[in-house]
Protein backbone atom coordinates (compact mmCIF):
# COMPACT_ATOMS: atom_id res chain seq x y z
CA MET A 1 -0.78 37.71 10.70
CA SER A 2 -1.12 35.67 13.94
CA VAL A 3 -0.73 31.91 14.16
CA TYR A 4 -4.48 31.56 14.80
CA LYS A 5 -5.48 33.60 11.73
CA ASN A 6 -3.02 31.60 9.64
CA THR A 7 -4.50 28.40 11.06
CA MET A 8 -8.01 29.52 10.09
CA TRP A 9 -6.89 30.23 6.52
CA SER A 10 -5.06 26.90 6.40
CA PHE A 11 -8.15 25.13 7.76
CA LEU A 12 -10.36 26.90 5.18
CA SER A 13 -8.00 25.74 2.43
CA ILE A 14 -8.00 22.09 3.54
CA VAL A 15 -11.76 21.89 4.21
CA GLY A 16 -12.66 23.86 1.06
CA VAL A 17 -10.51 21.65 -1.15
CA GLN A 18 -11.96 18.49 0.45
CA ILE A 19 -15.57 19.64 -0.03
CA ILE A 20 -14.92 20.45 -3.69
CA ASN A 21 -13.13 17.11 -4.09
CA ILE A 22 -16.02 15.15 -2.52
CA LEU A 23 -18.63 16.88 -4.71
CA THR A 24 -16.52 16.28 -7.83
CA ASN A 25 -16.06 12.60 -7.01
CA ILE A 26 -19.83 12.20 -6.50
CA ILE A 27 -20.43 13.61 -10.00
CA LEU A 28 -17.63 11.54 -11.56
CA ALA A 29 -18.89 8.39 -9.82
CA ARG A 30 -22.28 8.87 -11.50
CA VAL A 31 -20.70 9.31 -14.92
CA LEU A 32 -17.76 6.88 -14.86
CA ALA A 33 -17.50 3.18 -14.06
CA PRO A 34 -15.74 2.15 -10.80
CA GLU A 35 -12.74 0.68 -12.64
CA TYR A 36 -11.57 4.17 -13.65
CA PHE A 37 -11.10 5.05 -9.98
CA GLY A 38 -9.40 1.69 -9.43
CA VAL A 39 -6.89 2.44 -12.18
CA LEU A 40 -6.18 5.85 -10.64
CA GLY A 41 -5.67 4.25 -7.23
CA MET A 42 -3.19 1.74 -8.66
CA ALA A 43 -1.20 4.49 -10.36
CA MET A 44 -1.16 6.82 -7.34
CA VAL A 45 0.47 4.21 -5.08
CA PHE A 46 3.65 4.93 -7.07
CA ALA A 47 3.03 8.49 -8.30
CA GLY A 48 2.03 9.62 -4.79
CA ILE A 49 5.64 9.22 -3.66
CA ALA A 50 6.69 11.87 -6.18
CA PHE A 51 4.13 14.36 -4.83
CA VAL A 52 5.38 13.73 -1.28
CA ILE A 53 8.96 14.43 -2.37
CA GLN A 54 7.90 17.54 -4.29
CA GLU A 55 5.70 18.98 -1.55
CA ALA A 56 7.81 18.25 1.54
CA GLY A 57 11.31 18.03 0.15
CA LEU A 58 13.76 20.74 -0.82
CA SER A 59 11.58 23.77 -0.07
CA SER A 60 11.52 22.92 3.65
CA TYR A 61 15.03 24.36 4.14
CA LEU A 62 13.97 27.62 2.48
CA ILE A 63 11.15 27.96 5.05
CA TYR A 64 13.38 26.92 7.94
CA ASN A 65 16.29 29.27 7.12
CA LYS A 66 15.84 32.88 8.25
CA SER A 67 17.75 34.15 5.22
CA ASN A 68 16.00 35.19 2.02
CA SER A 69 19.15 35.53 -0.06
CA ASN A 70 18.99 35.14 -3.82
CA LYS A 71 21.51 32.29 -3.61
CA LEU A 72 19.22 30.33 -1.28
CA ILE A 73 16.03 31.05 -3.24
CA TYR A 74 17.40 30.22 -6.69
CA SER A 75 19.44 27.25 -5.51
CA THR A 76 16.17 25.87 -4.11
CA PHE A 77 14.33 26.66 -7.35
CA TRP A 78 16.79 24.84 -9.60
CA MET A 79 17.13 21.88 -7.26
CA ASN A 80 13.33 21.53 -7.26
CA ILE A 81 13.39 21.55 -11.05
CA LEU A 82 16.19 18.96 -11.14
CA ILE A 83 14.56 16.58 -8.63
CA SER A 84 11.18 16.86 -10.38
CA ALA A 85 12.80 16.15 -13.75
CA ILE A 86 14.46 13.02 -12.34
CA LEU A 87 11.19 11.85 -10.76
CA THR A 88 9.29 12.49 -13.99
CA ALA A 89 11.83 10.53 -16.03
CA LEU A 90 11.83 7.63 -13.54
CA ILE A 91 8.04 7.29 -13.37
CA TRP A 92 7.64 7.74 -17.13
CA GLY A 93 10.28 5.07 -17.78
CA MET A 94 8.83 2.68 -15.18
CA SER A 95 5.20 3.19 -16.23
CA PRO A 96 5.10 0.20 -18.67
CA HIS A 97 6.51 -2.11 -15.98
CA ILE A 98 4.06 -0.82 -13.36
CA ALA A 99 1.23 -1.34 -15.86
CA ASN A 100 2.43 -4.93 -16.42
CA LEU A 101 2.43 -5.47 -12.65
CA TYR A 102 -1.28 -4.57 -12.56
CA LYS A 103 -1.97 -6.05 -16.02
CA SER A 104 -3.57 -2.78 -17.15
CA ASP A 105 -2.39 -0.51 -19.98
CA GLN A 106 -4.56 2.28 -18.56
CA VAL A 107 -2.27 2.52 -15.52
CA GLU A 108 0.59 3.48 -17.84
CA GLU A 109 -1.59 6.18 -19.42
CA VAL A 110 -2.50 7.66 -16.02
CA LEU A 111 1.13 7.63 -14.85
CA LYS A 112 2.23 9.56 -17.94
CA TYR A 113 -0.47 12.17 -17.39
CA VAL A 114 0.62 12.52 -13.76
CA CYS A 115 4.24 12.96 -14.88
CA ILE A 116 3.18 16.11 -16.74
CA GLY A 117 1.70 17.48 -13.51
CA ILE A 118 4.87 16.66 -11.54
CA GLY A 119 6.95 18.62 -14.04
CA LEU A 120 4.60 21.62 -14.07
CA GLY A 121 4.32 21.71 -10.27
CA ALA A 122 8.08 22.15 -9.86
CA PHE A 123 8.06 25.69 -11.29
CA GLY A 124 5.83 27.11 -8.55
CA SER A 125 7.02 25.15 -5.50
CA THR A 126 9.69 27.72 -4.52
CA SER A 127 7.27 30.66 -4.75
CA ARG A 128 4.75 28.69 -2.70
CA ALA A 129 7.41 28.01 -0.05
CA LEU A 130 8.19 31.74 0.11
CA LEU A 131 4.49 32.50 0.67
CA MET A 132 4.47 29.97 3.52
CA LYS A 133 7.63 31.49 4.97
CA GLU A 134 5.94 34.90 4.97
CA ASN A 135 2.86 33.36 6.65
CA ASN A 136 0.75 34.40 3.68
CA PHE A 137 -1.74 31.56 4.06
CA LYS A 138 -4.58 33.72 2.77
CA LYS A 139 -2.99 33.78 -0.70
CA ILE A 140 -2.17 30.07 -0.49
CA THR A 141 -5.83 29.37 0.30
CA VAL A 142 -6.96 31.42 -2.71
CA ILE A 143 -4.47 29.58 -4.93
CA ASP A 144 -5.56 26.13 -3.72
CA LEU A 145 -9.28 26.83 -4.02
CA ILE A 146 -9.00 28.29 -7.53
CA ALA A 147 -6.82 25.37 -8.65
CA GLU A 148 -9.26 22.83 -7.18
CA ILE A 149 -12.34 24.49 -8.69
CA VAL A 150 -10.86 24.82 -12.20
CA SER A 151 -9.34 21.31 -12.24
CA SER A 152 -12.62 19.83 -10.94
CA ILE A 153 -14.65 21.56 -13.66
CA CYS A 154 -12.21 20.23 -16.28
CA ALA A 155 -12.47 16.71 -14.82
CA VAL A 156 -16.29 16.74 -15.06
CA ILE A 157 -16.23 18.11 -18.63
CA PHE A 158 -13.69 15.49 -19.73
CA ALA A 159 -15.74 12.73 -18.07
CA ILE A 160 -18.92 13.73 -19.89
CA TYR A 161 -17.56 14.64 -23.30
CA ILE A 162 -14.07 13.21 -23.85
CA ASP A 163 -12.45 10.32 -21.94
CA GLY A 164 -12.73 8.67 -18.52
CA ILE A 165 -9.01 8.11 -17.98
CA LEU A 166 -8.25 11.74 -18.85
CA ALA A 167 -11.05 12.82 -16.50
CA VAL A 168 -9.63 11.06 -13.42
CA SER A 169 -6.09 12.14 -14.36
CA THR A 170 -6.70 15.76 -15.31
CA LYS A 171 -6.71 17.10 -11.73
CA TYR A 172 -3.12 15.90 -11.37
CA ILE A 173 -2.19 17.99 -14.42
CA MET A 174 -4.38 21.08 -14.04
CA ARG A 175 -4.05 21.54 -10.28
CA PRO A 176 -0.21 21.76 -10.12
CA MET A 177 -0.16 23.87 -13.29
CA ILE A 178 -2.62 26.44 -11.89
CA GLN A 179 -0.91 26.40 -8.48
CA SER A 180 2.44 27.11 -10.15
CA ILE A 181 1.07 29.95 -12.29
CA LEU A 182 -0.74 31.65 -9.40
CA SER A 183 2.18 31.15 -6.99
CA LEU A 184 4.52 32.83 -9.48
CA ILE A 185 2.02 35.67 -9.95
CA TYR A 186 1.68 36.24 -6.18
CA LYS A 187 5.40 35.72 -5.52
CA PRO A 188 7.33 36.30 -8.75
CA LEU A 189 10.98 35.32 -9.10
CA SER A 190 13.46 37.79 -10.57
CA ILE A 191 14.78 36.85 -14.02
CA LYS A 192 17.88 38.95 -13.28
CA ASN A 193 18.94 36.57 -10.48
CA PHE A 194 17.64 33.43 -12.15
CA PHE A 195 20.99 31.66 -12.22
CA ALA A 196 22.26 32.78 -8.80
CA VAL A 197 22.95 29.19 -7.76
CA ASP A 198 25.42 28.50 -4.96
CA LEU A 199 27.05 25.10 -4.33
CA ASN A 200 27.39 25.62 -0.56
CA GLU A 201 23.72 26.58 -0.24
CA SER A 202 22.79 23.52 -2.30
CA LYS A 203 24.71 21.27 0.11
CA LYS A 204 22.90 22.82 3.09
CA ILE A 205 19.56 22.35 1.34
CA ILE A 206 20.27 18.67 0.71
CA SER A 207 21.59 18.10 4.25
CA TYR A 208 18.49 19.54 5.95
CA SER A 209 15.87 18.43 3.43
CA SER A 210 17.04 14.82 3.28
CA ASN A 211 15.94 14.31 6.90
CA VAL A 212 12.57 16.00 6.30
CA LEU A 213 12.11 14.01 3.11
CA GLY A 214 13.04 10.75 4.79
CA SER A 215 10.50 11.46 7.51
CA GLN A 216 7.74 12.21 4.99
CA LEU A 217 8.50 9.13 2.88
CA PHE A 218 8.32 6.85 5.90
CA MET A 219 5.12 8.61 6.93
CA TYR A 220 3.71 7.96 3.44
CA ALA A 221 4.67 4.29 3.70
CA ASN A 222 3.22 4.17 7.21
CA ASN A 223 -0.10 5.59 5.97
CA ASN A 224 -0.37 3.01 3.19
CA ILE A 225 1.03 -0.22 4.66
CA ASP A 226 -2.23 -1.09 6.43
CA TYR A 227 -4.25 -0.64 3.23
CA PHE A 228 -1.81 -2.84 1.33
CA LEU A 229 -1.80 -5.63 3.93
CA VAL A 230 -5.56 -5.55 4.57
CA GLY A 231 -6.23 -5.77 0.83
CA THR A 232 -3.68 -8.56 0.40
CA TYR A 233 -4.63 -10.74 3.38
CA LEU A 234 -8.29 -9.92 4.07
CA GLY A 235 -9.60 -9.07 0.60
CA LYS A 236 -11.43 -6.27 -1.20
CA ILE A 237 -14.57 -6.24 0.95
CA GLN A 238 -12.66 -5.97 4.22
CA LEU A 239 -10.44 -3.28 2.68
CA GLY A 240 -13.55 -1.30 1.73
CA LEU A 241 -14.87 -1.52 5.30
CA TYR A 242 -11.49 -0.54 6.75
CA THR A 243 -11.11 2.39 4.34
CA LEU A 244 -14.44 3.85 5.43
CA ALA A 245 -13.61 3.41 9.13
CA PHE A 246 -10.12 4.87 8.76
CA GLN A 247 -11.30 7.93 6.83
CA TRP A 248 -13.70 8.90 9.63
CA GLY A 249 -11.36 7.69 12.38
CA SER A 250 -8.61 10.03 11.24
CA ILE A 251 -10.82 13.04 10.45
CA ALA A 252 -9.47 15.18 13.32
CA ARG A 253 -5.85 14.27 12.58
CA TYR A 254 -6.01 15.01 8.84
CA TYR A 255 -8.35 18.02 8.76
CA LEU A 256 -7.97 19.93 12.03
CA SER A 257 -4.40 19.08 13.03
CA SER A 258 -2.99 19.25 9.50
CA ALA A 259 -4.27 22.82 9.14
CA ILE A 260 -2.28 23.78 12.23
CA MET A 261 0.78 21.78 11.14
CA ARG A 262 1.04 23.76 7.89
CA VAL A 263 1.22 26.97 9.92
CA MET A 264 3.41 25.78 12.78
CA PHE A 265 6.51 24.92 10.75
CA PRO A 266 7.16 28.47 9.44
CA GLU A 267 6.08 29.98 12.78
CA VAL A 268 8.43 27.78 14.82
CA SER A 269 11.24 28.30 12.30
CA LYS A 270 11.06 32.04 13.00
CA LEU A 271 11.29 31.41 16.75
CA GLN A 272 13.86 28.59 16.59
CA HIS A 273 16.31 30.49 18.83
CA ASN A 274 13.66 31.32 21.44
CA LEU A 275 12.63 27.91 22.74
CA VAL A 276 10.62 29.39 25.62
CA LYS A 277 8.24 31.02 23.12
CA VAL A 278 8.13 27.81 21.07
CA LYS A 279 7.27 25.81 24.20
CA ASN A 280 4.49 28.21 25.19
CA MET A 281 3.09 28.17 21.65
CA TYR A 282 3.16 24.36 21.56
CA LEU A 283 1.43 23.98 24.95
CA ASP A 284 -1.19 26.59 24.03
CA ILE A 285 -1.96 24.91 20.70
CA ILE A 286 -2.26 21.35 22.04
CA SER A 287 -4.58 22.52 24.83
CA LYS A 288 -6.87 24.25 22.31
CA LEU A 289 -6.67 21.30 19.92
CA ALA A 290 -7.62 18.89 22.70
CA LEU A 291 -10.56 21.15 23.55
CA ILE A 292 -12.01 20.47 20.06
CA THR A 293 -10.63 17.18 18.72
CA LEU A 294 -11.04 14.95 21.78
CA PRO A 295 -14.81 15.54 22.25
CA LEU A 296 -15.27 15.30 18.47
CA CYS A 297 -13.54 11.90 18.23
CA ILE A 298 -14.80 10.36 21.48
CA GLY A 299 -18.29 11.76 20.91
CA LEU A 300 -18.43 10.22 17.43
CA ALA A 301 -17.20 6.92 18.88
CA LEU A 302 -20.13 6.94 21.34
CA VAL A 303 -22.69 7.41 18.53
CA SER A 304 -20.86 5.40 15.87
CA TYR A 305 -23.62 2.76 15.56
CA GLU A 306 -26.27 5.38 14.80
CA PHE A 307 -23.83 7.35 12.63
CA ILE A 308 -22.97 4.39 10.38
CA TYR A 309 -26.57 3.13 10.22
CA ILE A 310 -27.98 6.53 9.20
CA LEU A 311 -25.28 7.49 6.69
CA TYR A 312 -24.36 4.13 5.16
CA GLY A 313 -27.04 1.58 6.11
CA GLN A 314 -26.97 -1.72 7.97
CA ASN A 315 -24.62 -3.39 5.46
CA TRP A 316 -21.80 -1.25 6.88
CA LEU A 317 -22.46 -1.91 10.58
CA GLU A 318 -19.47 -4.26 10.69
CA THR A 319 -17.28 -1.13 10.70
CA VAL A 320 -18.69 0.19 14.01
CA ARG A 321 -16.20 -1.48 16.38
CA VAL A 322 -13.32 -0.72 14.02
CA LEU A 323 -14.39 2.92 13.77
CA GLN A 324 -14.64 3.28 17.56
CA VAL A 325 -11.06 2.09 18.11
CA LEU A 326 -9.70 4.21 15.25
CA LEU A 327 -11.48 7.30 16.59
CA VAL A 328 -9.72 6.88 19.94
CA ALA A 329 -6.38 6.52 18.11
CA GLY A 330 -7.20 9.51 15.89
CA GLY A 331 -8.15 11.68 18.86
CA ILE A 332 -4.84 11.01 20.64
CA ALA A 333 -2.76 11.49 17.49
CA SER A 334 -4.59 14.72 16.56
CA ILE A 335 -3.05 16.39 19.64
CA THR A 336 0.48 15.00 19.57
CA VAL A 337 1.13 14.93 15.82
CA VAL A 338 1.64 18.72 15.77
CA GLY A 339 4.99 18.02 17.44
CA GLY A 340 6.37 16.99 14.03
CA PRO A 341 6.62 20.51 12.54
CA VAL A 342 7.91 21.76 15.91
CA LEU A 343 10.87 19.36 15.73
CA ARG A 344 11.57 20.38 12.13
CA GLY A 345 11.22 24.07 12.99
CA ILE A 346 13.81 23.93 15.81
CA GLY A 347 16.29 22.21 13.50
CA LYS A 348 15.72 18.58 14.55
CA PRO A 349 14.33 16.97 11.37
CA GLN A 350 16.52 13.91 11.97
CA VAL A 351 14.58 13.21 15.18
CA GLU A 352 11.28 13.36 13.29
CA MET A 353 12.71 11.02 10.64
CA LYS A 354 13.77 8.50 13.31
CA ILE A 355 10.27 8.64 14.81
CA SER A 356 8.76 8.02 11.36
CA ILE A 357 11.09 5.06 10.77
CA LEU A 358 10.17 3.61 14.16
CA SER A 359 6.48 4.13 13.41
CA PHE A 360 6.70 2.35 10.05
CA CYS A 361 8.77 -0.58 11.34
CA SER A 362 6.73 -1.16 14.50
CA PHE A 363 3.39 -0.81 12.67
CA SER A 364 4.45 -3.19 9.89
CA LEU A 365 5.66 -5.80 12.39
CA LEU A 366 2.53 -5.53 14.55
CA LEU A 367 0.28 -5.75 11.50
CA MET A 368 2.01 -8.88 10.23
CA ILE A 369 1.37 -10.51 13.63
CA PHE A 370 -2.23 -9.43 14.27
CA ILE A 371 -3.83 -9.01 10.82
CA ARG A 372 -4.91 -12.67 10.78
CA TYR A 373 -7.37 -11.86 13.60
CA GLY A 374 -9.40 -9.45 11.46
CA LEU A 375 -10.19 -5.75 11.15
CA VAL A 376 -10.77 -5.07 14.84
CA ALA A 377 -7.28 -6.42 15.57
CA VAL A 378 -5.89 -4.14 12.84
CA ALA A 379 -7.62 -1.17 14.49
CA TYR A 380 -6.15 -2.04 17.90
CA THR A 381 -2.75 -2.35 16.21
CA GLU A 382 -3.12 1.23 14.97
CA LEU A 383 -4.08 2.35 18.48
CA LEU A 384 -1.02 0.60 19.93
CA ARG A 385 1.21 2.23 17.30
CA VAL A 386 -0.19 5.66 18.16
CA LEU A 387 0.39 5.14 21.89
CA ILE A 388 4.01 4.03 21.36
CA VAL A 389 5.07 6.49 18.66
CA GLU A 390 3.26 9.57 19.96
CA SER A 391 4.63 8.95 23.48
CA ILE A 392 8.14 9.01 22.01
CA ARG A 393 7.34 12.21 20.10
CA VAL A 394 6.15 13.89 23.31
CA LEU A 395 9.28 12.73 25.16
CA ALA A 396 11.45 14.20 22.38
CA LEU A 397 9.65 17.54 22.69
CA LYS A 398 9.97 17.35 26.47
CA LYS A 399 13.73 17.01 26.04
CA TYR A 400 14.30 19.77 23.47
CA LEU A 401 11.73 22.30 24.74
CA LYS A 402 12.33 21.60 28.45
CA ILE A 403 8.67 20.80 29.06
CA GLU A 404 7.69 19.50 32.48
CA ILE A 405 5.14 16.68 32.64
CA GLY A 406 3.18 18.80 35.12
CA GLU A 407 2.83 21.55 32.48
CA LEU A 408 1.32 19.08 30.00
CA VAL A 409 -1.05 17.68 32.62
CA ARG A 410 -2.24 21.15 33.68
CA LYS A 411 -2.94 22.11 30.06
CA LEU A 412 -4.89 18.94 29.21
CA MET A 413 -6.56 18.01 32.50
CA PRO A 414 -9.61 20.36 32.21
CA THR A 415 -10.48 18.82 28.82
CA VAL A 416 -9.94 15.27 30.10
CA LYS A 417 -12.23 15.89 33.11
CA ALA A 418 -14.97 17.37 30.90
CA LEU A 419 -14.56 14.48 28.46
CA LEU A 420 -15.00 11.88 31.22
CA ILE A 421 -18.22 13.58 32.34
CA MET A 422 -19.54 13.59 28.76
CA VAL A 423 -18.75 9.88 28.35
CA LEU A 424 -20.34 9.03 31.70
CA VAL A 425 -23.53 10.97 30.90
CA ILE A 426 -23.99 9.36 27.46
CA VAL A 427 -23.21 5.83 28.72
CA ILE A 428 -25.72 6.17 31.60
CA PHE A 429 -28.33 7.62 29.21
CA ASP A 430 -27.77 4.74 26.77
CA TYR A 431 -28.07 2.18 29.59
CA LEU A 432 -31.19 3.59 31.27
CA ILE A 433 -33.21 4.83 28.29
CA VAL A 434 -33.96 2.65 25.26
CA ILE A 435 -34.97 4.69 22.21
CA PRO A 436 -36.18 2.43 19.36
CA ASN A 437 -35.89 5.14 16.71
CA VAL A 438 -32.24 5.36 15.62
CA TYR A 439 -32.60 8.96 14.38
CA ILE A 440 -34.02 10.22 17.68
CA SER A 441 -31.36 8.26 19.58
CA PHE A 442 -28.61 9.83 17.44
CA ILE A 443 -29.86 13.40 17.91
CA SER A 444 -30.52 12.89 21.64
CA LYS A 445 -27.00 11.60 22.31
CA ILE A 446 -25.39 14.41 20.32
CA LEU A 447 -27.36 17.11 22.17
CA LEU A 448 -26.71 15.46 25.53
CA GLY A 449 -23.00 15.17 24.75
CA MET A 450 -22.74 18.81 23.67
CA ILE A 451 -24.57 20.09 26.75
CA SER A 452 -22.65 17.91 29.23
CA TYR A 453 -19.25 18.63 27.68
CA GLY A 454 -19.95 22.33 27.20
CA GLY A 455 -21.10 22.76 30.79
CA ALA A 456 -18.23 20.72 32.22
CA ILE A 457 -15.52 22.44 30.19
CA TYR A 458 -16.87 25.84 31.28
CA ILE A 459 -16.65 24.78 34.93
CA PHE A 460 -13.17 23.21 34.69
CA ASN A 461 -11.66 25.73 32.27
CA LYS A 462 -13.66 28.86 33.06
CA ASN A 463 -10.84 31.40 32.74
CA GLU A 464 -9.66 30.22 29.32
CA ILE A 465 -13.21 29.93 27.94
CA GLU A 466 -14.14 33.41 29.17
CA GLY A 467 -10.87 34.79 27.80
CA LEU A 468 -11.58 33.21 24.42
CA LEU A 469 -15.15 34.55 24.37
CA HIS A 470 -13.89 38.01 25.39
CA LYS A 471 -11.34 37.95 22.57
CA ILE A 472 -14.04 37.01 20.03
CA LYS A 473 -16.37 39.71 21.40
CA PHE A 474 -13.58 42.30 21.37
CA LYS A 475 -12.70 41.49 17.76
CA GLY A 476 -16.38 41.70 16.81
CA VAL A 477 -16.71 45.16 18.39
CA LYS A 478 -13.45 46.26 16.79
CA ASN A 479 -14.59 45.10 13.35
CA GLU A 480 -17.96 46.83 13.83
CA LYS A 481 -16.20 50.10 14.70
CA ASN A 482 -13.99 49.77 11.62
CA ILE A 483 -17.06 49.24 9.44
CA ASN A 484 -18.82 52.26 10.97
CA CYS A 485 -15.75 54.39 10.40
């Protein structure tokens, strides 16, 4: 299956899970009091670290390594079990102290429920990694959607008939359990070779995975430090405003780019000894990403006032300026962040870890300096972090993949030109024509942006657009012939 088909399945998985999650949370929010979600949030600050370790840790070497030997597979399996057991014991043992920190016994209850999920998830993580290594993202999508649907139904039933704490916790038990069961069904492990553990393979797993894990842990800290500091220094209301702005500001990075990142790591790992192919794949992907994510983010920034007013009301208009800055940061990061799995795939996880450490340290320092000036300053701090860190990531890829700056410019310039025309058209329209109705203004700007960007990108990138349309048309004809046959 091609990288683009895998990306589509990965995208379907991420978007499908998020839609189910949003619908479930709407139902739960109408049944349960807000404090139940607050308790879950408190617990997940600590428990979330365990899920990061479990998801991105030891299985990464199994995907990276070209070998599928029993020693590698079962060494990975038992090390996953061991690490998950240690994490479960640590969180279970610390849960009373964490509950005391928040002065809430319910936090302890949630943490213990989550511990069950961590333990159950360990049994299927190796099979899931093998499915990723084989580029079988279709099966992974099926697994994730089934797990999300079943766990969501259980959460709603528990909320209505049993207990609120169990309702908000149950997804963290049911989801990993179902994922493990289905992963083992799709990719069963042989009982005959169950104890084929090798010490040398285990050392290699630890050596490679420690860098990947370090990178992911610093990334986790980096993604949560702003929430922690905004809540501590600016208060609950400002944190609520920032949370809303950040969720929309990072939509391209977390939904579009993350779907590609899941696919790129196993794809690049297969091509790790052919850096020319890796370079061409990387340049092709970032050009196509930019084609979609940049107009999405910048376009939303240009209509952010109308967007917030229509969806959330005038009480949330304070987020507009914050959202605009975060959308610019999110648009830039959505293109460059795919370099992370490329570095891991070519055997340079230590470089990605160093970039993550730099990102965390620089962001924390900048936040401590500028947070006193309010949310807009925090948003500009995030933009500055993105510019610094993502520039370094691009320079690292330039070094290892032998990419010329001219190659990057040629790939991105058509999109940048079309984007500038779109911005110019909407700004002039907004300046010359005053539309009192916010709904008509919103629709008019969106249509104008789509027409101006679509026309400009066709002019500046005619060959690639026509090639893409031809490919879609060819596949459509091919599928029609297959159906007729």
